[in-house]
Amino acid sequence: MAENQEEQKTPKIKPIIEAADSLSLGISMVVAVAMGVGIGYLLRKWTGMGWLFWVGVAIGIAAAILNVYKAYSKQYKEFEELAKQPRYAIKKQLEDEEDDEDYGEKKY
């Protein structure tokens, strides 16, 4: 009965949302750069200074890089949580195997 309650507590739409969040990274990069270009274009149009267009482009590229960094940080945190589970603790298993090395029978 306890297992049934746990299944009811976990939302079934959560994996779908996480997948959509991962897919939206590419779109958010394009949108960030496009918004930066738009800001740069507006700044150039309002002030008449051509170099402000490139400031807007730089802001857009910086926003895209920030989006990638946030996605990377989120995935790394999830990886660290998985690594703590004993089922996936490969590093510990490898260290244990190195300690128990069997060099075989010695032949003199």
N, C-alpha and C. Protein backbone atom coordinates (compact mmCIF):
# COMPACT_ATOMS: atom_id res chain seq x y z
N MET A 1 0.82 -1.18 0.00
CA MET A 1 0.00 0.00 0.00
C MET A 1 0.86 1.26 0.00
N ALA A 2 2.03 1.19 0.67
CA ALA A 2 2.93 2.34 0.71
C ALA A 2 3.49 2.65 -0.68
N GLU A 3 3.74 1.60 -1.47
CA GLU A 3 4.25 1.82 -2.82
C GLU A 3 3.22 2.53 -3.68
N ASN A 4 1.97 2.19 -3.50
CA ASN A 4 0.90 2.81 -4.27
C ASN A 4 0.80 4.30 -3.94
N GLN A 5 0.99 4.67 -2.68
CA GLN A 5 0.95 6.07 -2.27
C GLN A 5 2.12 6.85 -2.87
N GLU A 6 3.30 6.22 -2.93
CA GLU A 6 4.46 6.89 -3.52
C GLU A 6 4.25 7.14 -5.01
N GLU A 7 3.63 6.18 -5.70
CA GLU A 7 3.37 6.35 -7.12
C GLU A 7 2.39 7.49 -7.36
N GLN A 8 1.44 7.65 -6.45
CA GLN A 8 0.47 8.70 -6.61
C GLN A 8 1.09 10.07 -6.33
N LYS A 9 2.09 10.14 -5.47
CA LYS A 9 2.71 11.42 -5.12
C LYS A 9 3.58 11.96 -6.25
N THR A 10 4.24 11.08 -6.99
CA THR A 10 5.12 11.54 -8.06
C THR A 10 4.28 11.95 -9.27
N PRO A 11 4.45 13.16 -9.74
CA PRO A 11 3.67 13.60 -10.90
C PRO A 11 4.12 12.88 -12.16
N LYS A 12 3.17 12.51 -12.98
CA LYS A 12 3.49 11.78 -14.21
C LYS A 12 3.92 12.71 -15.33
N ILE A 13 3.68 14.00 -15.18
CA ILE A 13 4.03 14.94 -16.23
C ILE A 13 5.45 15.48 -16.04
N LYS A 14 6.07 15.22 -14.89
CA LYS A 14 7.40 15.75 -14.60
C LYS A 14 8.44 15.36 -15.66
N PRO A 15 8.53 14.08 -16.10
CA PRO A 15 9.52 13.76 -17.15
C PRO A 15 9.29 14.52 -18.45
N ILE A 16 8.03 14.78 -18.76
CA ILE A 16 7.72 15.52 -19.99
C ILE A 16 8.21 16.95 -19.88
N ILE A 17 8.00 17.55 -18.71
CA ILE A 17 8.46 18.93 -18.50
C ILE A 17 9.98 19.01 -18.55
N GLU A 18 10.66 18.04 -17.94
CA GLU A 18 12.12 18.03 -17.96
C GLU A 18 12.65 17.86 -19.39
N ALA A 19 12.01 17.04 -20.17
CA ALA A 19 12.43 16.84 -21.56
C ALA A 19 12.22 18.12 -22.37
N ALA A 20 11.10 18.79 -22.16
CA ALA A 20 10.84 20.04 -22.88
C ALA A 20 11.83 21.11 -22.47
N ASP A 21 12.22 21.11 -21.20
CA ASP A 21 13.19 22.08 -20.72
C ASP A 21 14.55 21.86 -21.40
N SER A 22 14.93 20.61 -21.58
CA SER A 22 16.19 20.31 -22.25
C SER A 22 16.14 20.69 -23.73
N LEU A 23 15.01 20.47 -24.37
CA LEU A 23 14.88 20.80 -25.79
C LEU A 23 14.85 22.30 -26.02
N SER A 24 14.40 23.05 -25.03
CA SER A 24 14.25 24.48 -25.22
C SER A 24 15.58 25.23 -25.14
N LEU A 25 16.66 24.55 -24.80
CA LEU A 25 17.95 25.22 -24.70
C LEU A 25 18.37 25.82 -26.04
N GLY A 26 18.24 25.09 -27.11
CA GLY A 26 18.61 25.61 -28.43
C GLY A 26 17.76 26.79 -28.84
N ILE A 27 16.48 26.69 -28.54
CA ILE A 27 15.58 27.79 -28.88
C ILE A 27 15.92 29.03 -28.06
N SER A 28 16.21 28.84 -26.77
CA SER A 28 16.53 29.99 -25.93
C SER A 28 17.82 30.67 -26.36
N MET A 29 18.76 29.90 -26.91
CA MET A 29 20.00 30.52 -27.40
C MET A 29 19.71 31.41 -28.60
N VAL A 30 18.90 30.91 -29.51
CA VAL A 30 18.56 31.69 -30.70
C VAL A 30 17.78 32.95 -30.32
N VAL A 31 16.83 32.79 -29.41
CA VAL A 31 16.02 33.94 -28.98
C VAL A 31 16.89 34.98 -28.27
N ALA A 32 17.84 34.54 -27.44
CA ALA A 32 18.71 35.48 -26.73
C ALA A 32 19.55 36.30 -27.71
N VAL A 33 20.12 35.64 -28.71
CA VAL A 33 20.93 36.36 -29.69
C VAL A 33 20.04 37.29 -30.52
N ALA A 34 18.86 36.82 -30.90
CA ALA A 34 17.95 37.66 -31.69
C ALA A 34 17.51 38.90 -30.89
N MET A 35 17.24 38.71 -29.61
CA MET A 35 16.88 39.86 -28.78
C MET A 35 18.04 40.84 -28.64
N GLY A 36 19.26 40.31 -28.53
CA GLY A 36 20.43 41.18 -28.47
C GLY A 36 20.61 41.97 -29.75
N VAL A 37 20.40 41.32 -30.89
CA VAL A 37 20.49 42.02 -32.18
C VAL A 37 19.41 43.09 -32.25
N GLY A 38 18.21 42.77 -31.79
CA GLY A 38 17.12 43.75 -31.80
C GLY A 38 17.42 44.94 -30.91
N ILE A 39 17.96 44.68 -29.74
CA ILE A 39 18.33 45.78 -28.83
C ILE A 39 19.42 46.63 -29.46
N GLY A 40 20.42 45.97 -30.05
CA GLY A 40 21.49 46.71 -30.71
C GLY A 40 20.97 47.55 -31.86
N TYR A 41 20.07 47.00 -32.64
CA TYR A 41 19.49 47.74 -33.76
C TYR A 41 18.73 48.97 -33.26
N LEU A 42 17.93 48.79 -32.22
CA LEU A 42 17.18 49.93 -31.66
C LEU A 42 18.10 51.00 -31.09
N LEU A 43 19.14 50.57 -30.39
CA LEU A 43 20.09 51.55 -29.84
C LEU A 43 20.77 52.33 -30.96
N ARG A 44 21.15 51.63 -32.04
CA ARG A 44 21.79 52.31 -33.17
C ARG A 44 20.83 53.29 -33.83
N LYS A 45 19.58 52.87 -33.96
CA LYS A 45 18.57 53.71 -34.61
C LYS A 45 18.28 54.96 -33.78
N TRP A 46 18.16 54.81 -32.45
CA TRP A 46 17.82 55.94 -31.59
C TRP A 46 18.98 56.91 -31.42
N THR A 47 20.22 56.39 -31.32
CA THR A 47 21.36 57.27 -31.03
C THR A 47 22.16 57.63 -32.27
N GLY A 48 22.10 56.81 -33.31
CA GLY A 48 22.88 57.08 -34.51
C GLY A 48 24.31 56.58 -34.40
N MET A 49 24.65 55.92 -33.33
CA MET A 49 26.01 55.38 -33.17
C MET A 49 26.02 53.91 -33.60
N GLY A 50 26.83 53.62 -34.62
CA GLY A 50 26.86 52.28 -35.19
C GLY A 50 27.42 51.21 -34.27
N TRP A 51 28.31 51.60 -33.39
CA TRP A 51 28.94 50.60 -32.53
C TRP A 51 27.98 50.06 -31.46
N LEU A 52 26.89 50.76 -31.19
CA LEU A 52 25.92 50.26 -30.21
C LEU A 52 25.20 48.99 -30.70
N PHE A 53 25.16 48.81 -32.02
CA PHE A 53 24.60 47.57 -32.55
C PHE A 53 25.41 46.37 -32.05
N TRP A 54 26.73 46.51 -32.07
CA TRP A 54 27.59 45.41 -31.63
C TRP A 54 27.53 45.19 -30.13
N VAL A 55 27.22 46.24 -29.38
CA VAL A 55 27.01 46.08 -27.94
C VAL A 55 25.78 45.19 -27.72
N GLY A 56 24.72 45.44 -28.48
CA GLY A 56 23.52 44.61 -28.37
C GLY A 56 23.79 43.17 -28.76
N VAL A 57 24.56 42.96 -29.82
CA VAL A 57 24.92 41.60 -30.23
C VAL A 57 25.71 40.91 -29.12
N ALA A 58 26.64 41.64 -28.51
CA ALA A 58 27.44 41.06 -27.42
C ALA A 58 26.56 40.70 -26.23
N ILE A 59 25.57 41.54 -25.93
CA ILE A 59 24.64 41.25 -24.83
C ILE A 59 23.85 39.98 -25.16
N GLY A 60 23.41 39.83 -26.38
CA GLY A 60 22.67 38.64 -26.78
C GLY A 60 23.51 37.38 -26.68
N ILE A 61 24.75 37.46 -27.14
CA ILE A 61 25.64 36.30 -27.06
C ILE A 61 25.94 35.95 -25.60
N ALA A 62 26.14 36.97 -24.77
CA ALA A 62 26.38 36.73 -23.35
C ALA A 62 25.16 36.06 -22.70
N ALA A 63 23.97 36.48 -23.08
CA ALA A 63 22.76 35.85 -22.54
C ALA A 63 22.65 34.39 -22.98
N ALA A 64 23.02 34.11 -24.22
CA ALA A 64 22.98 32.73 -24.71
C ALA A 64 23.98 31.86 -23.95
N ILE A 65 25.18 32.39 -23.71
CA ILE A 65 26.19 31.65 -22.94
C ILE A 65 25.71 31.42 -21.52
N LEU A 66 25.04 32.40 -20.93
CA LEU A 66 24.50 32.25 -19.59
C LEU A 66 23.43 31.14 -19.55
N ASN A 67 22.61 31.06 -20.58
CA ASN A 67 21.60 29.99 -20.66
C ASN A 67 22.27 28.62 -20.71
N VAL A 68 23.33 28.49 -21.48
CA VAL A 68 24.05 27.22 -21.56
C VAL A 68 24.67 26.88 -20.22
N TYR A 69 25.25 27.87 -19.54
CA TYR A 69 25.87 27.64 -18.24
C TYR A 69 24.83 27.19 -17.21
N LYS A 70 23.66 27.81 -17.22
CA LYS A 70 22.61 27.41 -16.28
C LYS A 70 22.15 25.98 -16.55
N ALA A 71 22.00 25.62 -17.81
CA ALA A 71 21.59 24.25 -18.16
C ALA A 71 22.66 23.25 -17.75
N TYR A 72 23.93 23.62 -17.96
CA TYR A 72 25.04 22.75 -17.56
C TYR A 72 25.05 22.56 -16.05
N SER A 73 24.88 23.63 -15.31
CA SER A 73 24.89 23.54 -13.85
C SER A 73 23.76 22.64 -13.35
N LYS A 74 22.61 22.76 -13.96
CA LYS A 74 21.46 21.95 -13.56
C LYS A 74 21.74 20.47 -13.83
N GLN A 75 22.28 20.17 -15.00
CA GLN A 75 22.58 18.78 -15.34
C GLN A 75 23.69 18.22 -14.45
N TYR A 76 24.68 19.05 -14.12
CA TYR A 76 25.79 18.59 -13.27
C TYR A 76 25.28 18.28 -11.87
N LYS A 77 24.36 19.10 -11.37
CA LYS A 77 23.80 18.85 -10.05
C LYS A 77 23.04 17.53 -10.04
N GLU A 78 22.27 17.25 -11.10
CA GLU A 78 21.56 15.99 -11.19
C GLU A 78 22.53 14.82 -11.29
N PHE A 79 23.64 15.01 -11.99
CA PHE A 79 24.65 13.96 -12.10
C PHE A 79 25.27 13.67 -10.74
N GLU A 80 25.56 14.71 -9.98
CA GLU A 80 26.14 14.53 -8.65
C GLU A 80 25.18 13.77 -7.73
N GLU A 81 23.89 14.05 -7.83
CA GLU A 81 22.91 13.32 -7.02
C GLU A 81 22.86 11.85 -7.42
N LEU A 82 22.97 11.58 -8.72
CA LEU A 82 23.00 10.19 -9.17
C LEU A 82 24.27 9.48 -8.70
N ALA A 83 25.38 10.19 -8.71
CA ALA A 83 26.64 9.58 -8.32
C ALA A 83 26.65 9.19 -6.84
N LYS A 84 25.84 9.85 -6.04
CA LYS A 84 25.77 9.52 -4.62
C LYS A 84 25.01 8.24 -4.35
N GLN A 85 24.19 7.82 -5.29
CA GLN A 85 23.43 6.59 -5.10
C GLN A 85 24.36 5.39 -5.20
N PRO A 86 24.20 4.42 -4.31
CA PRO A 86 25.13 3.27 -4.33
C PRO A 86 25.05 2.47 -5.62
N ARG A 87 23.93 2.53 -6.28
CA ARG A 87 23.77 1.79 -7.54
C ARG A 87 24.73 2.29 -8.61
N TYR A 88 25.03 3.57 -8.59
CA TYR A 88 25.88 4.17 -9.62
C TYR A 88 27.25 4.57 -9.10
N ALA A 89 27.64 4.10 -7.96
CA ALA A 89 28.91 4.49 -7.36
C ALA A 89 30.06 3.70 -7.98
N ILE A 90 30.35 3.96 -9.22
CA ILE A 90 31.38 3.23 -9.96
C ILE A 90 32.77 3.59 -9.44
N LYS A 91 32.97 4.85 -9.09
CA LYS A 91 34.28 5.28 -8.62
C LYS A 91 34.68 4.51 -7.37
N LYS A 92 33.76 4.32 -6.45
CA LYS A 92 34.05 3.57 -5.23
C LYS A 92 34.33 2.12 -5.56
N GLN A 93 33.57 1.54 -6.50
CA GLN A 93 33.81 0.16 -6.88
C GLN A 93 35.19 -0.02 -7.50
N LEU A 94 35.60 0.94 -8.31
CA LEU A 94 36.93 0.85 -8.93
C LEU A 94 38.03 0.96 -7.88
N GLU A 95 37.85 1.82 -6.90
CA GLU A 95 38.84 1.95 -5.83
C GLU A 95 38.94 0.66 -5.03
N ASP A 96 37.80 0.02 -4.76
CA ASP A 96 37.79 -1.23 -4.02
C ASP A 96 38.49 -2.33 -4.81
N GLU A 97 38.30 -2.36 -6.11
CA GLU A 97 38.93 -3.38 -6.95
C GLU A 97 40.44 -3.20 -7.00
N GLU A 98 40.91 -1.96 -6.95
CA GLU A 98 42.35 -1.72 -6.97
C GLU A 98 43.00 -2.22 -5.69
N ASP A 99 42.28 -2.12 -4.58
CA ASP A 99 42.82 -2.59 -3.30
C ASP A 99 42.89 -4.11 -3.26
N ASP A 100 42.01 -4.79 -3.95
CA ASP A 100 41.92 -6.25 -3.89
C ASP A 100 42.59 -6.91 -5.08
N GLU A 101 43.62 -6.29 -5.61
CA GLU A 101 44.26 -6.87 -6.78
C GLU A 101 44.89 -8.21 -6.45
N ASP A 102 44.68 -9.15 -7.32
CA ASP A 102 45.26 -10.47 -7.16
C ASP A 102 46.34 -10.62 -8.23
N TYR A 103 47.53 -10.78 -7.79
CA TYR A 103 48.62 -10.85 -8.74
C TYR A 103 48.85 -12.28 -9.24
N GLY A 104 48.00 -13.17 -8.80
CA GLY A 104 48.08 -14.53 -9.29
C GLY A 104 49.15 -15.33 -8.54
N GLU A 105 49.31 -16.53 -8.97
CA GLU A 105 50.25 -17.42 -8.35
C GLU A 105 51.66 -17.06 -8.82
N LYS A 106 52.55 -17.00 -7.85
CA LYS A 106 53.94 -16.67 -8.20
C LYS A 106 54.69 -17.93 -8.58
N LYS A 107 55.37 -17.86 -9.68
CA LYS A 107 56.17 -18.99 -10.14
C LYS A 107 57.64 -18.59 -10.06
N TYR A 108 58.36 -19.36 -9.29
CA TYR A 108 59.78 -19.05 -9.12
C TYR A 108 60.63 -19.95 -9.94
